[in-house]
Protein backbone atom coordinates (compact mmCIF):
# COMPACT_ATOMS: atom_id res chain seq x y z
CA MET A 1 -0.01 -0.18 0.07
CA VAL A 2 2.62 2.47 1.46
CA GLY A 3 4.83 1.51 -2.36
CA LYS A 4 1.38 2.21 -4.11
CA LEU A 5 0.98 5.24 -2.84
CA GLY A 6 4.03 6.65 -2.69
CA GLN A 7 4.38 5.65 -6.70
CA GLY A 8 1.20 7.69 -7.23
CA ARG A 9 2.60 10.44 -5.91
CA SER A 10 5.76 10.19 -8.12
CA ILE A 11 3.27 9.68 -11.02
CA ASP A 12 1.45 12.70 -9.88
CA ARG A 13 4.76 15.04 -9.62
CA GLY A 14 5.75 14.02 -12.69
CA GLN A 15 2.66 14.86 -14.73
CA SER A 16 2.49 17.95 -12.71
CA TYR A 17 6.15 19.29 -14.14
CA TYR A 18 5.15 17.99 -17.25
CA SER A 19 1.99 20.37 -17.50
CA ILE A 20 3.93 23.37 -16.26
CA GLY A 21 6.27 22.24 -19.33
CA TYR A 22 3.66 22.20 -21.48
CA ALA A 23 1.53 25.11 -20.42
CA LEU A 24 5.07 27.17 -20.72
CA GLY A 25 5.67 25.81 -24.34
CA GLN A 26 1.92 26.75 -25.35
CA ILE A 27 2.59 30.44 -23.81
CA GLU A 28 6.00 30.54 -25.82
CA THR A 29 4.41 29.24 -29.30
CA ARG A 30 1.51 31.78 -29.04
CA LEU A 31 4.22 34.65 -28.29
CA ALA A 32 6.16 33.67 -31.16
CA ARG A 33 3.05 34.53 -33.62
CA ILE A 34 3.24 37.92 -32.74
CA PRO A 35 5.25 39.75 -34.86
CA GLY A 36 8.93 40.54 -33.25
CA GLN A 37 8.97 44.78 -33.69
CA ARG A 38 5.28 44.74 -32.24
CA PHE A 39 6.40 42.62 -29.30
CA ASN A 40 9.17 44.26 -28.53
CA LEU A 41 6.91 47.88 -28.97
CA ALA A 42 3.84 46.95 -27.00
CA LEU A 43 6.31 45.27 -24.14
CA LEU A 44 8.46 48.50 -24.24
CA ALA A 45 5.58 50.62 -24.20
CA PHE A 46 3.79 48.05 -21.08
CA TYR A 47 7.05 49.02 -19.35
CA VAL A 48 6.92 52.77 -19.55
CA LEU A 49 3.55 53.04 -18.92
CA ILE A 50 4.17 51.05 -15.29
CA THR A 51 7.46 52.40 -14.64
CA GLY A 52 5.96 56.26 -15.72
CA ALA A 53 2.95 55.93 -13.21
CA THR A 54 5.52 54.45 -10.26
CA MET A 55 7.48 57.26 -10.69
CA LEU A 56 4.57 59.70 -10.48
CA ALA A 57 3.59 58.46 -7.59
CA HIS A 58 7.08 57.44 -5.80
CA ARG A 59 8.49 60.30 -3.27
CA MET A 60 12.20 60.20 -3.15
CA TRP A 61 14.24 60.40 -0.45
CA ARG A 62 17.58 61.10 0.64
CA ASN A 63 19.79 58.73 -1.29
CA GLU A 64 18.32 59.87 -4.77
CA ILE A 65 18.11 63.51 -3.72
CA GLN A 66 21.65 63.66 -2.55
CA ALA A 67 23.01 63.20 -5.73
CA TRP A 68 20.65 66.44 -6.87
CA LEU A 69 21.98 68.40 -4.58
CA ILE A 70 25.39 67.71 -5.13
CA ALA A 71 25.20 67.87 -8.93
CA ARG A 72 23.06 71.89 -8.19
CA ASP A 73 24.76 73.17 -6.04
CA SER A 74 28.63 72.48 -6.75
CA HIS A 75 29.36 75.24 -8.85
CA GLY A 76 31.59 73.76 -11.42
CA ILE A 77 33.39 69.96 -12.55
CA ALA A 78 36.08 70.97 -10.22
CA ASP A 79 33.44 71.90 -6.86
CA LEU A 80 31.94 68.79 -8.68
CA ILE A 81 34.94 66.63 -7.83
CA HIS A 82 35.51 67.69 -4.14
CA ASN A 83 32.05 67.28 -3.01
CA LEU A 84 32.17 63.95 -4.72
CA GLY A 85 35.42 62.51 -2.51
CA TYR A 86 32.62 62.55 0.17
CA GLU A 87 30.68 60.47 -1.27
CA GLY A 88 33.23 58.02 -2.48
CA HIS A 89 31.12 57.74 -6.40
CA PRO A 90 32.40 58.76 -9.25
CA ALA A 91 31.37 61.29 -11.53
CA LEU A 92 29.62 60.18 -14.59
CA TRP A 93 25.25 59.83 -13.32
CA HIS A 94 26.53 63.86 -11.52
CA LEU A 95 27.56 64.95 -14.60
CA LEU A 96 24.19 64.30 -16.47
CA LEU A 97 22.74 65.56 -13.64
CA MET A 98 24.04 69.48 -13.82
CA PRO A 99 22.39 70.39 -17.14
CA LEU A 100 19.26 69.93 -15.83
CA THR A 101 19.77 71.44 -12.52
CA ARG A 102 20.86 74.51 -14.54
CA LEU A 103 16.91 74.31 -16.00
CA SER A 104 15.33 73.79 -12.71
CA ARG A 105 15.46 73.14 -8.90
CA ASP A 106 12.75 70.49 -9.48
CA PRO A 107 14.09 66.88 -9.00
CA ALA A 108 11.41 65.85 -11.10
CA LEU A 109 13.83 66.61 -13.83
CA MET A 110 15.76 63.47 -12.37
CA GLN A 111 12.94 61.31 -12.45
CA GLY A 112 12.49 62.38 -16.49
CA LEU A 113 16.40 61.07 -17.02
CA GLN A 114 15.86 57.88 -15.07
CA LEU A 115 12.95 57.05 -17.01
CA VAL A 116 14.55 57.93 -19.99
CA ILE A 117 17.70 55.40 -19.16
CA ALA A 118 16.06 52.97 -17.61
CA SER A 119 13.89 52.39 -20.87
CA ALA A 120 16.60 52.69 -23.18
CA THR A 121 17.82 49.77 -21.23
CA VAL A 122 14.85 47.44 -21.43
CA ALA A 123 14.85 48.48 -25.33
CA VAL A 124 17.98 47.09 -25.75
CA VAL A 125 17.59 43.95 -24.03
CA LEU A 126 14.33 43.38 -25.42
CA TRP A 127 15.81 44.40 -29.19
CA ARG A 128 19.42 42.64 -29.00
CA ALA A 129 19.40 39.94 -25.70
CA PRO A 130 19.33 36.50 -26.79
CA LEU A 131 16.28 35.80 -24.99
CA SER A 132 12.96 33.69 -25.49
CA ARG A 133 9.85 35.53 -25.52
CA LEU A 134 8.95 34.19 -22.62
CA GLU A 135 12.04 35.72 -21.20
CA ARG A 136 11.57 38.96 -22.60
CA LEU A 137 7.61 39.17 -21.38
CA VAL A 138 8.67 38.22 -17.84
CA PHE A 139 12.41 40.55 -17.83
CA PRO A 140 11.20 43.89 -17.82
CA PHE A 141 8.95 43.89 -14.56
CA GLY A 142 12.02 42.30 -12.48
CA TYR A 143 12.70 43.94 -9.07
CA PHE A 144 15.95 45.35 -10.13
CA VAL A 145 14.64 46.46 -13.70
CA LEU A 146 11.11 47.80 -13.10
CA PHE A 147 11.94 49.09 -9.26
CA GLU A 148 15.41 49.43 -8.14
CA TYR A 149 16.95 50.42 -11.19
CA GLY A 150 13.35 52.02 -12.68
CA VAL A 151 11.36 53.69 -10.63
CA ILE A 152 14.04 55.23 -7.91
CA SER A 153 16.26 57.13 -9.51
CA ARG A 154 19.96 56.15 -9.12
CA SER A 155 23.14 55.85 -10.95
CA TYR A 156 22.99 52.05 -11.01
CA THR A 157 20.75 52.63 -13.85
CA LEU A 158 22.81 54.59 -16.01
CA GLY A 159 24.92 51.69 -15.08
CA PHE A 160 22.65 48.85 -16.48
CA LEU A 161 22.69 50.57 -19.57
CA LEU A 162 26.24 50.49 -20.26
CA LEU A 163 26.45 47.07 -19.45
CA VAL A 164 23.44 45.96 -21.56
CA LEU A 165 25.34 48.09 -24.50
CA PHE A 166 29.12 46.12 -23.75
CA CYS A 167 26.83 43.08 -23.96
CA SER A 168 25.02 43.88 -27.05
CA LEU A 169 28.64 43.73 -29.14
CA TRP A 170 29.67 40.73 -27.26
CA ARG A 171 28.92 39.04 -30.73
CA GLN A 172 31.34 41.48 -32.17
CA ARG A 173 34.24 41.58 -29.56
CA ARG A 174 36.63 41.30 -32.16
CA ASP A 175 35.94 43.87 -33.94
CA HIS A 176 34.89 46.46 -31.74
CA PRO A 177 37.51 46.89 -29.20
CA ALA A 178 37.78 50.19 -28.65
CA LEU A 179 34.07 50.46 -28.22
CA LEU A 180 33.71 47.96 -25.90
CA ALA A 181 36.37 49.99 -24.30
CA VAL A 182 34.91 53.02 -23.83
CA LEU A 183 32.00 51.14 -22.36
CA LEU A 184 34.06 49.85 -19.67
CA ALA A 185 35.88 52.98 -19.10
CA ALA A 186 32.41 54.62 -18.71
CA MET A 187 30.73 52.11 -16.42
CA ALA A 188 33.72 52.38 -14.12
CA ASN A 189 32.95 55.92 -13.84
CA VAL A 190 28.91 55.16 -12.65
CA HIS A 191 29.74 53.38 -9.68
CA LEU A 192 32.52 51.44 -7.58
CA PHE A 193 30.54 48.33 -7.98
CA PHE A 194 30.44 49.20 -11.61
CA ALA A 195 34.29 49.64 -11.68
CA ILE A 196 34.62 45.73 -10.49
CA VAL A 197 32.21 44.72 -12.96
CA SER A 198 33.87 46.69 -15.35
CA ALA A 199 37.44 45.17 -14.51
CA TRP A 200 36.08 41.65 -14.74
CA ALA A 201 34.25 42.36 -18.37
CA LEU A 202 37.95 42.87 -19.14
CA ALA A 203 38.87 39.53 -17.36
CA GLY A 204 36.53 37.86 -19.47
CA LEU A 205 37.17 39.11 -22.59
CA VAL A 206 40.75 38.21 -22.08
CA VAL A 207 39.72 34.53 -21.08
CA ASP A 208 37.88 34.39 -24.81
CA ARG A 209 40.55 35.40 -26.38
CA ILE A 210 42.73 32.51 -24.70
CA VAL A 211 39.75 29.93 -25.07
CA ASP A 212 38.56 30.87 -28.57
CA ASP A 213 38.90 27.88 -30.76
CA SER A 214 36.11 29.15 -33.66
CA PRO A 215 37.30 29.29 -36.99
CA ARG A 216 37.17 32.94 -36.04
CA ARG A 217 40.66 32.87 -34.43
CA SER A 218 42.49 32.00 -37.48
CA ARG A 219 41.04 34.87 -39.81
CA LYS A 220 43.32 37.70 -39.70
CA SER A 221 42.42 40.71 -37.42
CA PRO A 222 43.84 44.28 -36.44
CA ASP A 223 42.77 43.54 -33.11
CA ARG A 224 45.90 42.84 -31.73
CA SER A 225 47.09 46.76 -32.19
CA TRP A 226 43.89 47.65 -30.86
CA ALA A 227 43.99 45.15 -27.38
CA VAL A 228 46.63 47.42 -26.25
CA ALA A 229 45.36 50.57 -26.82
CA ALA A 230 41.77 49.25 -25.28
CA ILE A 231 42.94 48.58 -22.27
CA LEU A 232 44.61 51.78 -22.15
CA ILE A 233 41.01 53.47 -22.53
CA VAL A 234 40.15 50.86 -20.02
CA ALA A 235 42.91 52.07 -17.27
CA MET A 236 42.72 55.60 -17.69
CA GLY A 237 38.77 54.86 -17.07
CA TRP A 238 39.61 53.44 -13.98
CA ALA A 239 42.22 56.16 -12.90
CA VAL A 240 39.58 58.95 -13.49
CA ALA A 241 37.02 56.71 -11.69
CA ALA A 242 39.51 56.50 -8.60
CA ALA A 243 41.02 59.96 -8.71
CA VAL A 244 37.68 61.55 -7.82
CA ALA A 245 35.98 59.10 -5.97
CA LEU A 246 39.09 58.97 -3.28
CA PRO A 247 37.83 60.73 -0.07
CA PRO A 248 39.83 63.46 1.31
CA ALA A 249 41.57 63.40 4.49
CA ASP A 250 38.82 64.44 6.68
CA SER A 251 36.37 62.15 4.81
CA ALA A 252 34.11 59.99 7.55
CA GLY A 253 32.30 57.90 5.12
CA GLY A 254 35.24 56.16 3.49
CA LEU A 255 35.84 52.33 3.99
CA ASP A 256 36.12 50.39 7.46
CA ARG A 257 38.92 48.39 7.23
CA SER A 258 39.15 46.97 10.67
CA PHE A 259 38.83 43.53 10.71
CA ASP A 260 35.46 41.82 11.64
CA SER A 261 36.18 39.32 14.26
CA SER A 262 31.85 38.61 14.88
CA GLY A 263 32.01 36.95 11.29
CA ILE A 264 28.51 39.47 10.75
CA ARG A 265 29.72 41.14 7.28
CA ILE A 266 30.91 37.76 5.57
CA LEU A 267 26.84 36.57 6.87
CA ASP A 268 25.92 40.00 4.76
CA ALA A 269 28.43 39.17 1.65
CA ILE A 270 26.04 35.76 1.97
CA ARG A 271 23.32 37.10 2.32
CA ALA A 272 23.58 39.58 -0.15
CA LEU A 273 23.86 36.23 -3.11
CA GLY A 274 19.57 36.80 -2.17
CA VAL A 275 19.20 39.27 -4.74
CA LEU A 276 19.27 36.98 -7.66
CA PHE A 277 16.02 36.34 -6.43
CA GLY A 278 15.23 40.30 -5.62
CA SER A 279 15.47 39.94 -1.64
CA ALA A 280 18.16 40.29 0.93
CA ARG A 281 16.46 37.24 2.82
CA TRP A 282 18.24 34.50 4.11
CA PRO A 283 16.12 32.00 1.80
CA ALA A 284 16.64 33.51 -1.34
CA ALA A 285 20.73 33.72 -0.02
CA VAL A 286 20.72 30.00 0.15
CA ALA A 287 18.91 29.43 -3.12
CA GLY A 288 21.18 32.54 -5.10
CA ALA A 289 24.31 30.60 -3.24
CA VAL A 290 22.89 26.92 -5.07
CA VAL A 291 22.35 28.76 -8.35
CA LEU A 292 25.46 30.04 -8.43
CA ALA A 293 27.21 27.02 -7.57
CA PHE A 294 25.52 24.73 -9.93
CA VAL A 295 26.20 27.80 -12.76
CA LEU A 296 30.23 27.57 -11.91
CA LEU A 297 30.58 23.88 -11.86
CA ARG A 298 29.54 24.39 -15.64
CA PHE A 299 32.14 26.87 -15.82
CA ARG A 300 33.48 24.71 -19.12
CA ARG A 301 30.68 25.49 -21.12
CA SER A 302 31.64 29.15 -21.51
CA PRO A 303 34.99 29.92 -19.28
CA ALA A 304 34.16 33.70 -20.30
CA ALA A 305 31.27 33.99 -19.08
CA ALA A 306 31.85 32.24 -15.96
CA VAL A 307 35.22 33.89 -14.79
CA PHE A 308 33.40 37.09 -15.16
CA LEU A 309 30.38 36.14 -13.49
CA LEU A 310 32.86 34.83 -10.66
CA VAL A 311 35.51 37.37 -9.98
CA SER A 312 32.28 39.91 -10.29
CA THR A 313 30.29 38.42 -7.55
CA MET A 314 33.58 37.68 -5.66
CA GLY A 315 34.43 41.01 -5.81
CA ILE A 316 31.71 42.85 -4.88
CA LEU A 317 31.29 40.12 -1.79
CA ALA A 318 34.73 41.28 -0.70
CA PHE A 319 33.68 44.84 -0.79
CA ILE A 320 30.62 43.81 1.36
CA CYS A 321 33.06 42.06 4.02
CA VAL A 322 35.12 45.38 4.07
CA ARG A 323 32.25 47.46 4.17
CA GLY A 324 29.23 46.11 5.31
CA TYR A 325 25.81 45.53 4.01
CA VAL A 326 24.96 49.13 2.58
CA GLY A 327 21.41 47.88 0.67
CA ILE A 328 20.13 45.61 -1.83
CA TRP A 329 20.16 48.51 -4.32
CA ALA A 330 23.99 48.41 -4.48
CA HIS A 331 24.26 44.40 -4.13
CA GLY A 332 21.50 44.04 -7.42
CA VAL A 333 24.55 44.24 -9.41
CA ILE A 334 25.31 40.57 -8.62
CA PHE A 335 21.72 39.99 -10.43
CA LEU A 336 23.03 42.23 -13.46
CA SER A 337 26.29 40.54 -13.82
CA PHE A 338 24.04 37.55 -13.50
CA LEU A 339 22.09 38.63 -16.84
CA ALA A 340 25.20 39.75 -18.59
CA ALA A 341 26.68 36.16 -18.35
CA VAL A 342 23.71 34.53 -19.27
CA TRP A 343 23.68 36.96 -22.45
CA MET A 344 27.47 36.31 -23.21
CA ASP A 345 27.19 32.56 -23.07
CA ARG A 346 24.23 32.23 -25.52
CA ALA A 347 25.60 34.70 -28.15
CA ARG A 348 28.25 32.38 -27.65
CA ILE A 349 26.41 29.59 -28.91
CA ASP A 350 24.20 31.86 -31.46
CA ALA A 351 27.44 32.43 -33.05
CA GLY A 352 28.51 29.08 -33.39
CA GLY A 353 31.57 29.36 -31.30
CA ALA A 354 31.06 26.69 -28.84
CA SER A 355 33.56 23.86 -29.35
CA PRO A 356 32.48 20.12 -29.14
CA GLY A 357 31.87 18.49 -25.54
CA LYS A 358 31.05 21.99 -24.40
CA SER A 359 27.74 22.86 -26.27
CA GLY A 360 24.74 23.73 -24.00
CA PHE A 361 23.92 26.90 -22.10
CA LEU A 362 25.88 27.61 -19.00
CA VAL A 363 22.71 28.68 -17.60
CA PRO A 364 20.24 26.25 -18.24
CA PRO A 365 16.79 27.99 -19.79
CA GLY A 366 14.79 26.51 -16.62
CA LEU A 367 16.60 28.49 -14.22
CA LEU A 368 17.20 31.33 -15.50
CA MET A 369 13.18 31.45 -16.00
CA ALA A 370 12.73 30.76 -12.52
CA VAL A 371 14.94 34.05 -11.39
CA LEU A 372 13.18 36.18 -13.44
CA VAL A 373 9.26 34.60 -12.73
CA MET A 374 10.70 35.83 -8.95
CA GLN A 375 12.32 38.98 -9.97
CA ALA A 376 8.93 39.88 -11.65
CA PHE A 377 6.86 38.95 -8.93
CA LEU A 378 8.69 40.87 -6.69
CA GLY A 379 9.20 43.96 -8.75
CA LEU A 380 5.24 44.13 -9.51
CA GLY A 381 4.59 43.92 -5.81
CA ALA A 382 7.02 46.94 -4.79
CA ALA A 383 5.81 48.89 -7.73
CA MET A 384 2.28 48.13 -5.66
CA ARG A 385 3.52 49.12 -2.55
CA ASP A 386 5.22 52.54 -3.70
CA ILE A 387 1.87 53.74 -5.21
CA ALA A 388 0.23 52.73 -1.75
CA ARG A 389 2.35 54.19 0.88
CA PRO A 390 5.07 56.96 0.50
CA TYR A 391 8.55 56.13 0.89
CA SER A 392 9.48 59.25 2.23
CA ASN A 393 7.52 62.03 3.72
CA GLY A 394 9.99 64.73 2.50
CA SER A 395 7.65 66.26 -0.58
CA ALA A 396 5.10 66.02 1.60
CA ALA A 397 6.98 68.15 4.46
CA ALA A 398 8.19 70.40 1.98
CA GLN A 399 4.84 71.19 0.60
CA PHE A 400 3.69 71.76 4.01
CA ILE A 401 6.32 74.21 4.72
CA ARG A 402 5.42 76.09 1.38
CA LYS A 403 2.32 76.29 2.19
CA GLN A 404 2.81 78.14 5.53
CA GLY A 405 5.27 80.61 3.73
CA TRP A 406 8.01 79.42 5.59
CA GLU A 407 10.41 78.00 3.47
CA THR A 408 11.95 82.53 2.80
CA ASP A 409 12.81 81.81 6.68
CA PRO A 410 15.42 80.18 8.53
CA ILE A 411 15.21 76.28 8.37
CA LEU A 412 17.07 73.95 11.15
CA GLY A 413 17.84 70.46 10.10
CA MET A 414 18.63 67.13 12.45
CA PRO A 415 19.73 65.21 11.22
CA ASP A 416 21.22 66.17 8.35
CA TYR A 417 20.47 62.91 6.31
CA SER A 418 17.15 63.41 7.07
CA ALA A 419 16.45 67.29 6.41
CA SER A 420 18.28 67.10 3.53
CA THR A 421 15.41 65.48 1.30
CA VAL A 422 12.88 68.13 2.29
CA VAL A 423 15.63 70.44 0.77
CA GLY A 424 16.01 69.25 -2.34
CA TYR A 425 11.75 69.14 -2.87
CA LEU A 426 11.64 72.76 -1.17
CA GLY A 427 14.03 73.93 -3.65
CA VAL A 428 15.95 76.18 -1.46
CA ASP A 429 19.81 77.49 -1.61
CA ARG A 430 20.35 75.65 2.12
CA ILE A 431 19.55 75.28 5.96
CA TYR A 432 21.25 75.24 8.92
CA TYR A 433 22.40 71.52 9.71
CA ALA A 434 22.64 70.60 13.34
CA ASN A 435 25.53 67.84 12.19
CA GLY A 436 28.51 70.04 12.43
CA ARG A 437 26.51 73.35 12.80
CA ARG A 438 26.54 74.63 9.71
CA TRP A 439 24.81 76.08 6.59
CA GLY A 440 24.81 73.45 3.66
CA SER A 441 22.31 71.40 0.97
CA PHE A 442 23.22 68.45 0.66
CA VAL A 443 25.08 66.05 3.50
CA VAL A 444 28.97 66.59 3.75
CA TRP A 445 30.26 62.82 5.17
CA ASP A 446 33.39 64.57 7.26
CA SER A 447 34.33 64.31 10.54
CA LYS A 448 32.92 67.62 11.40
CA ARG A 449 29.42 66.13 11.37
CA LEU A 450 30.11 62.95 13.56
CA GLY A 451 29.18 62.84 17.10
CA PRO A 452 26.02 63.37 18.94
CA ILE A 453 23.80 66.49 18.78
CA ASP A 454 24.22 69.17 21.39
CA LEU A 455 20.74 70.25 21.46
CA GLU A 456 20.71 73.47 23.88
CA ALA A 457 24.12 74.55 22.10
CA VAL A 458 22.16 74.34 18.35
CA MET A 459 18.91 76.15 19.91
CA HIS A 460 21.53 78.78 20.88
CA ASP A 461 22.54 79.17 17.01
CA ALA A 462 18.59 78.88 16.21
CA ASP A 463 18.29 81.98 18.53
CA GLN A 464 20.28 83.93 16.40
CA LEU A 465 18.53 83.12 13.51
CA GLY A 466 15.90 85.28 13.78
CA PRO A 467 12.74 85.48 15.29
CA SER A 468 10.89 83.18 12.56
CA VAL A 469 12.40 79.90 12.46
CA THR A 470 11.48 76.65 11.48
CA ILE A 471 13.00 73.05 12.70
CA ILE A 472 12.73 69.75 10.42
CA ALA A 473 13.54 67.18 12.36
CA ALA A 474 13.20 63.22 12.25
CA GLU A 475 11.11 61.36 13.86
CA GLY A 476 12.42 59.57 16.71
CA GLU A 477 15.59 61.83 17.00
CA PRO A 478 15.79 62.32 20.98
CA LEU A 479 14.71 66.19 20.92
CA ASN A 480 13.91 67.41 24.54
CA PRO A 481 10.30 68.94 24.12
CA THR A 482 11.05 71.36 27.10
CA VAL A 483 13.95 73.07 25.72
CA LEU A 484 12.18 73.12 22.70
CA GLU A 485 9.31 75.15 24.44
CA ARG A 486 11.79 77.67 25.96
CA HIS A 487 13.21 78.46 22.97
CA GLY A 488 9.67 79.07 21.60
CA PHE A 489 9.28 76.03 19.35
CA ARG A 490 6.05 75.01 18.81
CA LEU A 491 5.15 71.55 17.30
CA ALA A 492 3.45 72.43 13.95
CA ALA A 493 2.95 69.52 12.02
CA ARG A 494 3.99 65.53 12.12
CA PHE A 495 4.65 63.29 9.34
CA GLU A 496 4.45 59.87 9.27
CA GLY A 497 3.92 56.39 7.38
CA ALA A 498 6.90 56.16 5.43
CA VAL A 499 8.84 53.44 4.29
CA VAL A 500 12.36 54.90 5.36
CA ALA A 501 11.66 55.15 8.64
CA GLU A 502 14.24 58.39 9.16
CA GLU A 503 11.89 60.18 6.60
CA ASN A 504 8.86 60.48 8.86
CA TYR A 505 9.44 64.49 10.40
CA LEU A 506 8.34 66.55 12.95
CA ILE A 507 7.68 70.31 11.85
CA TYR A 508 8.59 72.68 14.72
CA HIS A 509 7.91 76.34 14.26
CA ARG A 510 8.30 79.86 16.02
């Protein structure tokens, strides 16, 4: 009896797998009947519609507004480079923002640029990536593609675009070495994580040249002389990125190189592997580790793509071990490396470059589909939550202050990283930050701002600002109401319910 029951379950499970495979095959067949251009255009239009609509509802937070304020209030490129030293970021994204800040102080312009770059990225994938119709149908709505690098305005989106442009030229890598080098050099100037990806994309090119046994290798080609020039171009790009991101002596936002005896950073690095499935939770991390291990065991199928994926991932994980967990949006570059490795591998097979005994996909289509489906599930969910609940209350606080006519009076913010979001939405030149007791707009991550806020000293400063002063304080900031009342401040408004806890605000005024 037990054997029969067990056999029955096995048959049911097999039938279930067969049914799923049959259903997916039917969907793929039906999608194949739609003309390619019409399919891509409809999918791109749907992506732009969903992303744009979510952007309209999205309330930007400090991670986005900081870049806008730095670009807005830097007096030329030299000043921008100086300010970016405290960020530890290269300059390419901020250089694109600078002209927009000269047109208007409204950060919505940054969202417009973001939508253009994100849409261009999706368009390149739809028209150029070696993905099936079903994979293309799911891809645009993934957690990173739709939300983290779509709705939210970040430099990562620019790096994503440069990476897919690099992948789109992979089949012609011997014909356009200089163009590939320019893309990798530009990628290094987007973000430190993309500098890591850029370095190991170059390593993938070197490995590809060593192991390539396709007929193209014997063909005469001028790429040997161009190879040296290409390496020099990439090296110059890395040098510029390093020079800009090099922190000043008084920076307080640099890497913490102290030894972590607790092993927490190592656990953070392992947890980051969950980004393959759009999550930082441990079940996703374990699944991500299993997927990467499985893919790397198939190394011989596509050495160049496997080397690129392995060393890019290890480089990012090593950075996390030094820096600590910095956010799922940063670690999502691991997912982008995974996608790029799939692209490089499939381009090799499509071009007929696979040697006997090495054919087959590095990432099986079923595994890729599982990753994309989970990403889409979380991506659409994140977009719906962003519409239903404000990501930040910075916009609402700015609207309230403007409605009261207080934006022309002195404004005091504490802490600086919370109040800066309101500054971006208000469009004012500067406010007085309790951290460091100084005027500014964007946060300067230097040693001056370290240490607890001395409320009595800050109130003394407020008394010097004039009779009418507004305070923007993060909810949860340890403020003594008695001290505030003694200096004439009364609670004027409270803003709650934002996703970013530090961007729920208390507005005081006198």
